[in-house]
């Protein structure tokens, strides 16, 4: 099995990052609309982090929001970060291994699309986000296509050639709750006859 950052770095070199952007657009737009509507209601400046940002398309989109005062992307693949920086925008990018990264900043929204199940220990990362990366009342929102209930995804590990953690929806929800996040909820985005949909899970940092 190859490392995920090597696989996606190679995809970025071949221009496949554009295809990833297009295929993820519908669920990501839904997730961002959900999170940004909340920020609009709060009506305060907010900061944003995209965990596994690829070519930075979500980072750039959120940076255009008038309430956003910081939009950051982190990715472990050098070519993805290079592609993101080449596209410009009022953004910041960090090249780092997400498994060992410790954020010096705290954020109001942390987003991730199709990343968590590639990590060594997603539960550890979600707990780290809850404990140290989110501001009070901050939100973590993630999208996952590779999960047990989505049978179409069961063959992906073999096809792509990199390790992918297979969990049930209830297990992902439990990871969020065990990390201390509150108001945890999930739904399936872009679900249709031949597709179980992107599993969206979200929760907020408790105010103690």
N, C-alpha and C. Protein backbone atom coordinates (compact mmCIF):
# COMPACT_ATOMS: atom_id res chain seq x y z
N UNK A 1 0.83 -1.20 0.00
CA UNK A 1 0.00 0.00 0.00
C UNK A 1 0.87 1.26 0.00
N UNK A 2 0.54 2.19 -0.87
CA UNK A 2 1.27 3.45 -0.95
C UNK A 2 0.70 4.46 0.05
N UNK A 3 1.51 5.46 0.40
CA UNK A 3 1.03 6.51 1.28
C UNK A 3 0.05 7.39 0.51
N UNK A 4 -0.99 7.85 1.19
CA UNK A 4 -2.01 8.67 0.54
C UNK A 4 -1.42 9.95 -0.04
N UNK A 5 -0.47 10.57 0.68
CA UNK A 5 0.10 11.83 0.18
C UNK A 5 0.88 11.61 -1.11
N UNK A 6 1.47 10.42 -1.27
CA UNK A 6 2.17 10.11 -2.51
C UNK A 6 1.19 9.93 -3.66
N UNK A 7 0.09 9.24 -3.39
CA UNK A 7 -0.94 9.03 -4.41
C UNK A 7 -1.51 10.36 -4.87
N UNK A 8 -1.88 11.21 -3.92
CA UNK A 8 -2.53 12.47 -4.28
C UNK A 8 -1.54 13.50 -4.84
N UNK A 9 -0.29 13.40 -4.42
CA UNK A 9 0.72 14.24 -5.03
C UNK A 9 0.89 13.91 -6.51
N UNK A 10 0.84 12.62 -6.80
CA UNK A 10 0.92 12.17 -8.19
C UNK A 10 -0.30 12.62 -8.98
N UNK A 11 -1.48 12.54 -8.34
CA UNK A 11 -2.71 13.00 -9.01
C UNK A 11 -2.62 14.49 -9.32
N UNK A 12 -2.07 15.26 -8.40
CA UNK A 12 -1.94 16.70 -8.62
C UNK A 12 -1.02 17.00 -9.79
N UNK A 13 0.05 16.24 -9.90
CA UNK A 13 0.99 16.43 -11.01
C UNK A 13 0.32 16.15 -12.35
N UNK A 14 -0.65 15.22 -12.34
CA UNK A 14 -1.34 14.85 -13.57
C UNK A 14 -2.58 15.71 -13.84
N UNK A 15 -2.86 16.65 -12.93
CA UNK A 15 -4.02 17.51 -13.11
C UNK A 15 -5.33 16.91 -12.64
N UNK A 16 -5.25 15.78 -11.92
CA UNK A 16 -6.48 15.13 -11.46
C UNK A 16 -7.13 15.89 -10.31
N UNK A 17 -6.42 16.85 -9.72
CA UNK A 17 -7.00 17.62 -8.62
C UNK A 17 -8.21 18.41 -9.09
N UNK A 18 -8.22 18.81 -10.35
CA UNK A 18 -9.37 19.53 -10.89
C UNK A 18 -10.61 18.63 -10.91
N UNK A 19 -10.42 17.37 -11.27
CA UNK A 19 -11.52 16.41 -11.28
C UNK A 19 -12.07 16.16 -9.88
N UNK A 20 -11.18 16.14 -8.88
CA UNK A 20 -11.61 15.95 -7.50
C UNK A 20 -12.48 17.13 -7.06
N UNK A 21 -12.07 18.32 -7.48
CA UNK A 21 -12.85 19.52 -7.17
C UNK A 21 -14.25 19.43 -7.75
N UNK A 22 -14.35 19.00 -8.99
CA UNK A 22 -15.65 18.91 -9.66
C UNK A 22 -16.53 17.83 -9.04
N UNK A 23 -15.94 16.68 -8.70
CA UNK A 23 -16.75 15.58 -8.17
C UNK A 23 -17.23 15.84 -6.74
N UNK A 24 -16.52 16.70 -6.02
CA UNK A 24 -16.88 16.98 -4.63
C UNK A 24 -17.71 18.26 -4.47
N UNK A 25 -17.96 18.96 -5.56
CA UNK A 25 -18.56 20.29 -5.48
C UNK A 25 -19.92 20.29 -4.78
N UNK A 26 -20.79 19.36 -5.12
CA UNK A 26 -22.15 19.39 -4.57
C UNK A 26 -22.16 19.20 -3.05
N UNK A 27 -21.53 18.13 -2.50
CA UNK A 27 -21.56 17.99 -1.04
C UNK A 27 -20.80 19.09 -0.32
N UNK A 28 -19.68 19.55 -0.90
CA UNK A 28 -18.92 20.61 -0.24
C UNK A 28 -19.72 21.91 -0.20
N UNK A 29 -20.40 22.23 -1.28
CA UNK A 29 -21.25 23.43 -1.28
C UNK A 29 -22.32 23.32 -0.22
N UNK A 30 -22.89 22.13 -0.07
CA UNK A 30 -23.93 21.93 0.94
C UNK A 30 -23.37 22.11 2.35
N UNK A 31 -22.19 21.55 2.59
CA UNK A 31 -21.55 21.68 3.90
C UNK A 31 -21.20 23.13 4.20
N UNK A 32 -20.65 23.81 3.21
CA UNK A 32 -20.26 25.21 3.42
C UNK A 32 -21.48 26.11 3.62
N UNK A 33 -22.54 25.85 2.88
CA UNK A 33 -23.77 26.62 3.07
C UNK A 33 -24.30 26.45 4.49
N UNK A 34 -24.23 25.23 4.99
CA UNK A 34 -24.67 24.93 6.36
C UNK A 34 -23.84 25.71 7.38
N UNK A 35 -22.52 25.63 7.24
CA UNK A 35 -21.63 26.26 8.21
C UNK A 35 -21.63 27.79 8.09
N UNK A 36 -21.68 28.29 6.87
CA UNK A 36 -21.61 29.74 6.66
C UNK A 36 -22.92 30.43 7.04
N UNK A 37 -24.04 29.74 6.90
CA UNK A 37 -25.32 30.30 7.33
C UNK A 37 -25.28 30.57 8.84
N UNK A 38 -24.67 29.64 9.57
CA UNK A 38 -24.53 29.81 11.01
C UNK A 38 -23.67 31.03 11.34
N UNK A 39 -22.56 31.20 10.59
CA UNK A 39 -21.69 32.35 10.83
C UNK A 39 -22.39 33.66 10.49
N UNK A 40 -23.23 33.63 9.47
CA UNK A 40 -23.99 34.82 9.10
C UNK A 40 -24.94 35.22 10.23
N UNK A 41 -25.55 34.22 10.86
CA UNK A 41 -26.46 34.48 11.97
C UNK A 41 -25.70 35.03 13.18
N UNK A 42 -24.48 34.54 13.39
CA UNK A 42 -23.65 35.05 14.48
C UNK A 42 -23.19 36.47 14.17
N UNK A 43 -22.95 36.73 12.87
CA UNK A 43 -22.60 38.06 12.36
C UNK A 43 -21.32 38.60 12.99
N UNK A 44 -20.30 37.75 13.02
CA UNK A 44 -18.97 38.16 13.48
C UNK A 44 -17.94 37.61 12.51
N UNK A 45 -16.78 38.23 12.45
CA UNK A 45 -15.69 37.73 11.61
C UNK A 45 -15.32 36.31 12.05
N UNK A 46 -14.94 35.48 11.08
CA UNK A 46 -14.60 34.10 11.41
C UNK A 46 -13.34 33.67 10.66
N UNK A 47 -12.71 32.62 11.21
CA UNK A 47 -11.54 32.02 10.58
C UNK A 47 -11.90 30.61 10.12
N UNK A 48 -11.20 30.15 9.07
CA UNK A 48 -11.54 28.88 8.41
C UNK A 48 -10.29 28.07 8.12
N UNK A 49 -10.38 26.76 8.36
CA UNK A 49 -9.30 25.83 8.02
C UNK A 49 -9.87 24.68 7.23
N UNK A 50 -9.22 24.37 6.10
CA UNK A 50 -9.58 23.19 5.30
C UNK A 50 -8.51 22.14 5.50
N UNK A 51 -8.90 21.03 6.10
CA UNK A 51 -7.98 19.95 6.44
C UNK A 51 -7.89 18.97 5.27
N UNK A 52 -6.73 18.98 4.59
CA UNK A 52 -6.59 18.21 3.36
C UNK A 52 -7.16 19.02 2.21
N UNK A 53 -6.56 20.19 1.99
CA UNK A 53 -7.18 21.20 1.13
C UNK A 53 -7.01 20.96 -0.37
N UNK A 54 -6.16 20.00 -0.76
CA UNK A 54 -5.94 19.77 -2.19
C UNK A 54 -5.43 21.02 -2.86
N UNK A 55 -6.05 21.41 -3.98
CA UNK A 55 -5.57 22.60 -4.70
C UNK A 55 -6.15 23.90 -4.16
N UNK A 56 -6.79 23.84 -3.01
CA UNK A 56 -7.21 25.04 -2.30
C UNK A 56 -8.51 25.66 -2.77
N UNK A 57 -9.30 24.91 -3.54
CA UNK A 57 -10.51 25.51 -4.11
C UNK A 57 -11.52 25.93 -3.05
N UNK A 58 -11.64 25.15 -1.95
CA UNK A 58 -12.59 25.51 -0.89
C UNK A 58 -12.03 26.70 -0.09
N UNK A 59 -10.74 26.69 0.13
CA UNK A 59 -10.09 27.79 0.86
C UNK A 59 -10.33 29.12 0.14
N UNK A 60 -10.17 29.11 -1.18
CA UNK A 60 -10.38 30.33 -1.95
C UNK A 60 -11.85 30.76 -1.94
N UNK A 61 -12.74 29.79 -2.03
CA UNK A 61 -14.18 30.11 -2.04
C UNK A 61 -14.60 30.76 -0.71
N UNK A 62 -14.15 30.19 0.41
CA UNK A 62 -14.52 30.74 1.71
C UNK A 62 -13.86 32.10 1.94
N UNK A 63 -12.65 32.28 1.42
CA UNK A 63 -11.95 33.55 1.58
C UNK A 63 -12.73 34.71 0.97
N UNK A 64 -13.59 34.41 0.00
CA UNK A 64 -14.40 35.46 -0.63
C UNK A 64 -15.59 35.90 0.21
N UNK A 65 -15.89 35.14 1.28
CA UNK A 65 -16.98 35.52 2.17
C UNK A 65 -16.59 36.79 2.93
N UNK A 66 -17.49 37.75 2.96
CA UNK A 66 -17.16 39.05 3.55
C UNK A 66 -16.85 38.98 5.05
N UNK A 67 -17.35 37.95 5.73
CA UNK A 67 -17.10 37.82 7.17
C UNK A 67 -15.80 37.06 7.48
N UNK A 68 -15.19 36.45 6.46
CA UNK A 68 -13.99 35.64 6.69
C UNK A 68 -12.76 36.53 6.78
N UNK A 69 -12.03 36.42 7.89
CA UNK A 69 -10.80 37.20 8.04
C UNK A 69 -9.54 36.35 7.96
N UNK A 70 -9.69 35.03 7.84
CA UNK A 70 -8.54 34.13 7.68
C UNK A 70 -9.02 32.83 7.07
N UNK A 71 -8.42 32.45 5.94
CA UNK A 71 -8.79 31.20 5.27
C UNK A 71 -7.51 30.43 4.96
N UNK A 72 -7.39 29.25 5.59
CA UNK A 72 -6.14 28.48 5.58
C UNK A 72 -6.40 27.07 5.08
N UNK A 73 -5.45 26.54 4.33
CA UNK A 73 -5.52 25.15 3.91
C UNK A 73 -4.27 24.41 4.32
N UNK A 74 -4.43 23.14 4.68
CA UNK A 74 -3.28 22.30 5.02
C UNK A 74 -3.37 21.01 4.22
N UNK A 75 -2.25 20.57 3.69
CA UNK A 75 -2.21 19.32 2.94
C UNK A 75 -0.81 18.73 3.05
N UNK A 76 -0.75 17.40 2.95
CA UNK A 76 0.54 16.72 3.06
C UNK A 76 1.25 16.53 1.75
N UNK A 77 0.57 16.79 0.64
CA UNK A 77 1.16 16.59 -0.69
C UNK A 77 1.74 17.90 -1.21
N UNK A 78 3.04 17.90 -1.46
CA UNK A 78 3.72 19.11 -1.92
C UNK A 78 3.09 19.68 -3.19
N UNK A 79 2.76 18.81 -4.15
CA UNK A 79 2.24 19.29 -5.42
C UNK A 79 0.85 19.92 -5.26
N UNK A 80 0.05 19.38 -4.33
CA UNK A 80 -1.26 19.98 -4.06
C UNK A 80 -1.09 21.40 -3.53
N UNK A 81 -0.17 21.59 -2.59
CA UNK A 81 0.08 22.91 -2.03
C UNK A 81 0.62 23.85 -3.10
N UNK A 82 1.51 23.34 -3.95
CA UNK A 82 2.05 24.16 -5.05
C UNK A 82 0.94 24.60 -5.99
N UNK A 83 0.04 23.67 -6.33
CA UNK A 83 -1.09 24.01 -7.19
C UNK A 83 -1.99 25.05 -6.54
N UNK A 84 -2.19 24.92 -5.21
CA UNK A 84 -3.04 25.87 -4.48
C UNK A 84 -2.42 27.26 -4.50
N UNK A 85 -1.13 27.35 -4.24
CA UNK A 85 -0.47 28.65 -4.18
C UNK A 85 -0.44 29.33 -5.55
N UNK A 86 -0.34 28.54 -6.60
CA UNK A 86 -0.32 29.09 -7.96
C UNK A 86 -1.65 29.74 -8.34
N UNK A 87 -2.73 29.30 -7.69
CA UNK A 87 -4.06 29.82 -8.03
C UNK A 87 -4.38 31.12 -7.32
N UNK A 88 -3.49 31.56 -6.42
CA UNK A 88 -3.64 32.87 -5.79
C UNK A 88 -4.77 32.95 -4.79
N UNK A 89 -5.25 34.17 -4.56
CA UNK A 89 -6.31 34.40 -3.59
C UNK A 89 -5.74 34.88 -2.26
N UNK A 90 -6.60 35.47 -1.45
CA UNK A 90 -6.21 35.97 -0.13
C UNK A 90 -6.27 34.80 0.86
N UNK A 91 -5.30 33.92 0.74
CA UNK A 91 -5.32 32.64 1.45
C UNK A 91 -3.93 32.32 2.00
N UNK A 92 -3.90 31.28 2.84
CA UNK A 92 -2.64 30.80 3.40
C UNK A 92 -2.64 29.27 3.31
N UNK A 93 -1.48 28.70 2.98
CA UNK A 93 -1.38 27.25 2.86
C UNK A 93 -0.22 26.71 3.69
N UNK A 94 -0.45 25.53 4.25
CA UNK A 94 0.54 24.88 5.10
C UNK A 94 0.82 23.49 4.54
N UNK A 95 2.09 23.20 4.27
CA UNK A 95 2.49 21.85 3.87
C UNK A 95 2.90 21.10 5.13
N UNK A 96 2.14 20.08 5.51
CA UNK A 96 2.44 19.35 6.74
C UNK A 96 1.72 18.01 6.75
N UNK A 97 2.27 17.08 7.48
CA UNK A 97 1.63 15.78 7.70
C UNK A 97 0.52 15.97 8.73
N UNK A 98 -0.72 15.79 8.31
CA UNK A 98 -1.86 16.03 9.21
C UNK A 98 -1.80 15.12 10.43
N UNK A 99 -1.25 13.91 10.27
CA UNK A 99 -1.18 12.96 11.39
C UNK A 99 -0.40 13.53 12.59
N UNK A 100 0.61 14.35 12.32
CA UNK A 100 1.47 14.85 13.40
C UNK A 100 1.37 16.36 13.58
N UNK A 101 0.55 17.03 12.79
CA UNK A 101 0.46 18.49 12.83
C UNK A 101 -0.23 18.96 14.09
N UNK A 102 0.31 20.03 14.67
CA UNK A 102 -0.33 20.70 15.81
C UNK A 102 -0.56 22.15 15.42
N UNK A 103 -1.80 22.57 15.37
CA UNK A 103 -2.13 23.90 14.88
C UNK A 103 -1.76 24.98 15.88
N UNK A 104 -1.00 26.00 15.44
CA UNK A 104 -0.71 27.13 16.32
C UNK A 104 -1.89 28.10 16.42
N UNK A 105 -2.84 27.96 15.51
CA UNK A 105 -4.01 28.83 15.47
C UNK A 105 -5.27 28.06 15.88
N UNK A 106 -6.30 28.81 16.27
CA UNK A 106 -7.63 28.24 16.48
C UNK A 106 -8.57 28.82 15.44
N UNK A 107 -9.59 28.03 15.08
CA UNK A 107 -10.47 28.42 13.98
C UNK A 107 -11.94 28.31 14.40
N UNK A 108 -12.78 29.05 13.66
CA UNK A 108 -14.22 29.01 13.92
C UNK A 108 -14.91 27.92 13.10
N UNK A 109 -14.38 27.63 11.92
CA UNK A 109 -14.88 26.53 11.09
C UNK A 109 -13.69 25.69 10.63
N UNK A 110 -13.77 24.40 10.85
CA UNK A 110 -12.78 23.47 10.29
C UNK A 110 -13.55 22.49 9.42
N UNK A 111 -13.11 22.40 8.18
CA UNK A 111 -13.78 21.57 7.17
C UNK A 111 -12.80 20.53 6.65
N UNK A 112 -13.34 19.38 6.25
CA UNK A 112 -12.52 18.35 5.63
C UNK A 112 -13.40 17.50 4.72
N UNK A 113 -12.93 17.29 3.50
CA UNK A 113 -13.67 16.47 2.54
C UNK A 113 -12.79 15.32 2.07
N UNK A 114 -13.24 14.11 2.34
CA UNK A 114 -12.55 12.92 1.86
C UNK A 114 -11.09 12.85 2.35
N UNK A 115 -10.91 13.01 3.65
CA UNK A 115 -9.56 12.99 4.20
C UNK A 115 -9.43 12.08 5.43
N UNK A 116 -10.40 12.15 6.34
CA UNK A 116 -10.23 11.53 7.66
C UNK A 116 -9.89 10.04 7.59
N UNK A 117 -10.47 9.30 6.66
CA UNK A 117 -10.25 7.85 6.67
C UNK A 117 -8.89 7.45 6.12
N UNK A 118 -8.13 8.41 5.61
CA UNK A 118 -6.75 8.14 5.20
C UNK A 118 -5.76 8.31 6.36
N UNK A 119 -6.18 8.94 7.43
CA UNK A 119 -5.29 9.25 8.54
C UNK A 119 -5.00 8.02 9.39
N UNK A 120 -3.86 8.07 10.10
CA UNK A 120 -3.46 6.92 10.94
C UNK A 120 -4.50 6.64 12.01
N UNK A 121 -4.99 7.70 12.65
CA UNK A 121 -5.96 7.55 13.74
C UNK A 121 -6.91 8.74 13.71
N UNK A 122 -7.99 8.65 12.93
CA UNK A 122 -8.93 9.78 12.82
C UNK A 122 -9.49 10.22 14.16
N UNK A 123 -9.72 9.29 15.07
CA UNK A 123 -10.29 9.66 16.37
C UNK A 123 -9.35 10.58 17.15
N UNK A 124 -8.05 10.35 17.01
CA UNK A 124 -7.06 11.20 17.68
C UNK A 124 -7.07 12.61 17.09
N UNK A 125 -7.18 12.70 15.77
CA UNK A 125 -7.20 13.99 15.10
C UNK A 125 -8.46 14.77 15.46
N UNK A 126 -9.61 14.10 15.46
CA UNK A 126 -10.87 14.78 15.81
C UNK A 126 -10.82 15.27 17.25
N UNK A 127 -10.24 14.48 18.13
CA UNK A 127 -10.11 14.92 19.53
C UNK A 127 -9.17 16.13 19.64
N UNK A 128 -8.08 16.09 18.87
CA UNK A 128 -7.13 17.20 18.87
C UNK A 128 -7.81 18.48 18.35
N UNK A 129 -8.63 18.32 17.31
CA UNK A 129 -9.37 19.46 16.77
C UNK A 129 -10.31 20.03 17.83
N UNK A 130 -11.04 19.14 18.49
CA UNK A 130 -12.00 19.56 19.51
C UNK A 130 -11.31 20.24 20.69
N UNK A 131 -10.20 19.68 21.12
CA UNK A 131 -9.51 20.19 22.30
C UNK A 131 -8.73 21.48 22.02
N UNK A 132 -8.08 21.55 20.85
CA UNK A 132 -7.07 22.58 20.66
C UNK A 132 -7.20 23.45 19.42
N UNK A 133 -7.93 23.00 18.41
CA UNK A 133 -7.94 23.74 17.15
C UNK A 133 -9.18 24.61 16.95
N UNK A 134 -10.26 24.27 17.62
CA UNK A 134 -11.51 25.03 17.45
C UNK A 134 -11.66 26.11 18.51
N UNK A 135 -12.12 27.27 18.07
CA UNK A 135 -12.53 28.29 19.02
C UNK A 135 -13.81 27.86 19.71
N UNK A 136 -14.16 28.49 20.81
CA UNK A 136 -15.43 28.22 21.47
C UNK A 136 -16.57 28.49 20.50
N UNK A 137 -17.50 27.59 20.46
CA UNK A 137 -18.63 27.68 19.54
C UNK A 137 -18.22 27.41 18.09
N UNK A 138 -16.98 26.95 17.90
CA UNK A 138 -16.51 26.62 16.55
C UNK A 138 -17.09 25.30 16.07
N UNK A 139 -17.09 25.11 14.76
CA UNK A 139 -17.71 23.93 14.16
C UNK A 139 -16.72 23.12 13.32
N UNK A 140 -16.76 21.81 13.50
CA UNK A 140 -16.06 20.87 12.62
C UNK A 140 -17.10 20.23 11.72
N UNK A 141 -16.85 20.24 10.41
CA UNK A 141 -17.78 19.62 9.47
C UNK A 141 -16.98 18.86 8.42
N UNK A 142 -17.29 17.58 8.24
CA UNK A 142 -16.51 16.74 7.33
C UNK A 142 -17.43 15.97 6.39
N UNK A 143 -16.89 15.64 5.23
CA UNK A 143 -17.59 14.80 4.27
C UNK A 143 -16.79 13.54 4.01
N UNK A 144 -17.47 12.39 3.97
CA UNK A 144 -16.82 11.10 3.79
C UNK A 144 -17.61 10.27 2.78
N UNK A 145 -16.93 9.81 1.74
CA UNK A 145 -17.58 8.94 0.75
C UNK A 145 -17.28 7.46 0.98
N UNK A 146 -16.17 7.18 1.65
CA UNK A 146 -15.75 5.80 1.90
C UNK A 146 -16.22 5.39 3.30
N UNK A 147 -17.42 4.79 3.36
CA UNK A 147 -17.96 4.33 4.63
C UNK A 147 -18.78 3.06 4.37
N UNK A 148 -19.03 2.31 5.42
CA UNK A 148 -19.57 0.95 5.28
C UNK A 148 -20.89 0.92 4.52
N UNK A 149 -21.77 1.85 4.80
CA UNK A 149 -23.10 1.83 4.18
C UNK A 149 -23.06 2.18 2.69
N UNK A 150 -21.97 2.76 2.24
CA UNK A 150 -21.81 3.08 0.82
C UNK A 150 -21.06 1.93 0.14
N UNK A 151 -21.80 0.94 -0.32
CA UNK A 151 -21.17 -0.28 -0.86
C UNK A 151 -20.31 0.00 -2.09
N UNK A 152 -20.61 1.06 -2.82
CA UNK A 152 -19.80 1.39 -3.99
C UNK A 152 -18.35 1.69 -3.62
N UNK A 153 -18.13 2.09 -2.37
CA UNK A 153 -16.79 2.48 -1.95
C UNK A 153 -15.95 1.33 -1.42
N UNK A 154 -16.53 0.16 -1.29
CA UNK A 154 -15.82 -0.95 -0.64
C UNK A 154 -14.59 -1.40 -1.41
N UNK A 155 -14.55 -1.17 -2.70
CA UNK A 155 -13.41 -1.63 -3.51
C UNK A 155 -12.34 -0.56 -3.71
N UNK A 156 -12.54 0.61 -3.14
CA UNK A 156 -11.64 1.73 -3.42
C UNK A 156 -10.22 1.50 -2.93
N UNK A 157 -10.06 0.90 -1.76
CA UNK A 157 -8.72 0.70 -1.21
C UNK A 157 -7.86 -0.10 -2.19
N UNK A 158 -8.43 -1.15 -2.71
CA UNK A 158 -7.70 -1.98 -3.66
C UNK A 158 -7.44 -1.23 -4.97
N UNK A 159 -8.44 -0.48 -5.43
CA UNK A 159 -8.29 0.23 -6.71
C UNK A 159 -7.26 1.35 -6.63
N UNK A 160 -7.29 2.10 -5.53
CA UNK A 160 -6.39 3.25 -5.39
C UNK A 160 -5.01 2.82 -4.91
N UNK A 161 -4.98 1.75 -4.11
CA UNK A 161 -3.70 1.23 -3.64
C UNK A 161 -3.15 1.93 -2.41
N UNK A 162 -4.04 2.53 -1.60
CA UNK A 162 -3.62 3.15 -0.35
C UNK A 162 -4.60 2.76 0.75
N UNK A 163 -4.13 2.74 1.99
CA UNK A 163 -4.95 2.31 3.11
C UNK A 163 -6.11 3.27 3.33
N UNK A 164 -7.31 2.69 3.54
CA UNK A 164 -8.50 3.48 3.84
C UNK A 164 -9.25 2.81 4.99
N UNK A 165 -9.53 3.56 6.02
CA UNK A 165 -10.27 3.03 7.17
C UNK A 165 -11.76 2.95 6.83
N UNK A 166 -12.34 1.78 7.02
CA UNK A 166 -13.77 1.57 6.74
C UNK A 166 -14.55 1.55 8.05
N UNK A 167 -15.40 2.54 8.26
CA UNK A 167 -16.23 2.60 9.45
C UNK A 167 -17.69 2.79 9.07
N UNK A 168 -18.58 2.40 9.98
CA UNK A 168 -20.00 2.64 9.80
C UNK A 168 -20.33 4.08 10.20
N UNK A 169 -21.46 4.57 9.72
CA UNK A 169 -21.88 5.93 10.06
C UNK A 169 -21.93 6.14 11.56
N UNK A 170 -22.49 5.19 12.29
CA UNK A 170 -22.62 5.33 13.74
C UNK A 170 -21.25 5.41 14.42
N UNK A 171 -20.24 4.75 13.82
CA UNK A 171 -18.89 4.80 14.39
C UNK A 171 -18.25 6.18 14.18
N UNK A 172 -18.51 6.79 13.04
CA UNK A 172 -18.01 8.16 12.83
C UNK A 172 -18.68 9.13 13.79
N UNK A 173 -19.97 8.96 13.98
CA UNK A 173 -20.69 9.82 14.93
C UNK A 173 -20.10 9.66 16.33
N UNK A 174 -19.80 8.42 16.70
CA UNK A 174 -19.24 8.14 18.02
C UNK A 174 -17.89 8.82 18.21
N UNK A 175 -17.08 8.85 17.15
CA UNK A 175 -15.77 9.51 17.21
C UNK A 175 -15.95 10.99 17.55
N UNK A 176 -16.92 11.63 16.93
CA UNK A 176 -17.19 13.04 17.19
C UNK A 176 -17.66 13.24 18.63
N UNK A 177 -18.56 12.38 19.07
CA UNK A 177 -19.10 12.52 20.43
C UNK A 177 -18.03 12.22 21.48
N UNK A 178 -17.21 11.20 21.23
CA UNK A 178 -16.15 10.85 22.18
C UNK A 178 -15.10 11.96 22.29
N UNK A 179 -14.97 12.77 21.22
CA UNK A 179 -14.01 13.87 21.23
C UNK A 179 -14.54 15.07 22.01
N UNK A 180 -15.79 14.98 22.47
CA UNK A 180 -16.37 16.05 23.26
C UNK A 180 -17.14 17.08 22.47
N UNK A 181 -17.35 16.82 21.17
CA UNK A 181 -18.14 17.75 20.36
C UNK A 181 -19.62 17.62 20.71
N UNK A 182 -20.33 18.73 20.64
CA UNK A 182 -21.75 18.74 20.97
C UNK A 182 -22.59 18.96 19.72
N UNK A 183 -23.89 18.75 19.83
CA UNK A 183 -24.83 18.94 18.72
C UNK A 183 -24.38 18.17 17.47
N UNK A 184 -23.87 16.96 17.69
CA UNK A 184 -23.38 16.14 16.57
C UNK A 184 -24.56 15.66 15.74
N UNK A 185 -24.46 15.83 14.44
CA UNK A 185 -25.49 15.34 13.54
C UNK A 185 -24.86 14.88 12.24
N UNK A 186 -25.61 14.08 11.49
CA UNK A 186 -25.11 13.56 10.22
C UNK A 186 -26.24 13.50 9.21
N UNK A 187 -25.86 13.55 7.94
CA UNK A 187 -26.83 13.35 6.86
C UNK A 187 -26.08 12.91 5.61
N UNK A 188 -26.83 12.53 4.59
CA UNK A 188 -26.23 12.07 3.34
C UNK A 188 -26.51 13.12 2.27
N UNK A 189 -25.43 13.67 1.72
CA UNK A 189 -25.54 14.72 0.71
C UNK A 189 -25.44 14.12 -0.70
N UNK A 190 -26.23 14.66 -1.62
CA UNK A 190 -26.19 14.24 -3.03
C UNK A 190 -26.51 12.76 -3.19
N UNK A 191 -27.43 12.28 -2.38
CA UNK A 191 -27.83 10.87 -2.46
C UNK A 191 -28.79 10.69 -3.63
N UNK A 192 -28.57 9.62 -4.41
CA UNK A 192 -29.50 9.30 -5.48
C UNK A 192 -29.53 7.80 -5.70
N UNK A 193 -30.22 7.34 -6.70
CA UNK A 193 -30.50 5.91 -6.88
C UNK A 193 -29.24 5.05 -6.86
N UNK A 194 -28.19 5.51 -7.53
CA UNK A 194 -26.97 4.70 -7.66
C UNK A 194 -25.86 5.14 -6.72
N UNK A 195 -26.17 5.97 -5.76
CA UNK A 195 -25.12 6.51 -4.88
C UNK A 195 -25.70 6.76 -3.50
N UNK A 196 -25.05 6.22 -2.47
CA UNK A 196 -25.54 6.37 -1.09
C UNK A 196 -25.35 7.78 -0.57
N UNK A 197 -24.58 8.58 -1.29
CA UNK A 197 -24.37 9.96 -0.89
C UNK A 197 -23.12 10.15 -0.05
N UNK A 198 -22.67 11.39 0.02
CA UNK A 198 -21.55 11.75 0.90
C UNK A 198 -22.07 11.80 2.33
N UNK A 199 -21.40 11.08 3.22
CA UNK A 199 -21.75 11.13 4.64
C UNK A 199 -21.18 12.41 5.23
N UNK A 200 -22.05 13.28 5.69
CA UNK A 200 -21.63 14.53 6.34
C UNK A 200 -21.81 14.37 7.85
N UNK A 201 -20.76 14.69 8.60
CA UNK A 201 -20.84 14.67 10.06
C UNK A 201 -20.36 16.02 10.57
N UNK A 202 -21.06 16.57 11.53
CA UNK A 202 -20.67 17.87 12.06
C UNK A 202 -20.97 17.95 13.55
N UNK A 203 -20.20 18.77 14.23
CA UNK A 203 -20.40 19.00 15.64
C UNK A 203 -19.72 20.29 16.06
N UNK A 204 -20.06 20.78 17.25
CA UNK A 204 -19.53 22.07 17.73
C UNK A 204 -18.72 21.88 19.00
N UNK A 205 -17.78 22.80 19.20
CA UNK A 205 -17.00 22.78 20.44
C UNK A 205 -17.86 23.26 21.58
N UNK A 206 -17.92 22.46 22.61
CA UNK A 206 -18.75 22.82 23.77
C UNK A 206 -18.20 24.05 24.46
N UNK A 207 -19.11 24.89 24.92
CA UNK A 207 -18.73 26.04 25.73
C UNK A 207 -18.92 25.64 27.19
N UNK A 208 -17.83 25.52 27.90
CA UNK A 208 -17.89 25.05 29.29
C UNK A 208 -17.92 26.24 30.25
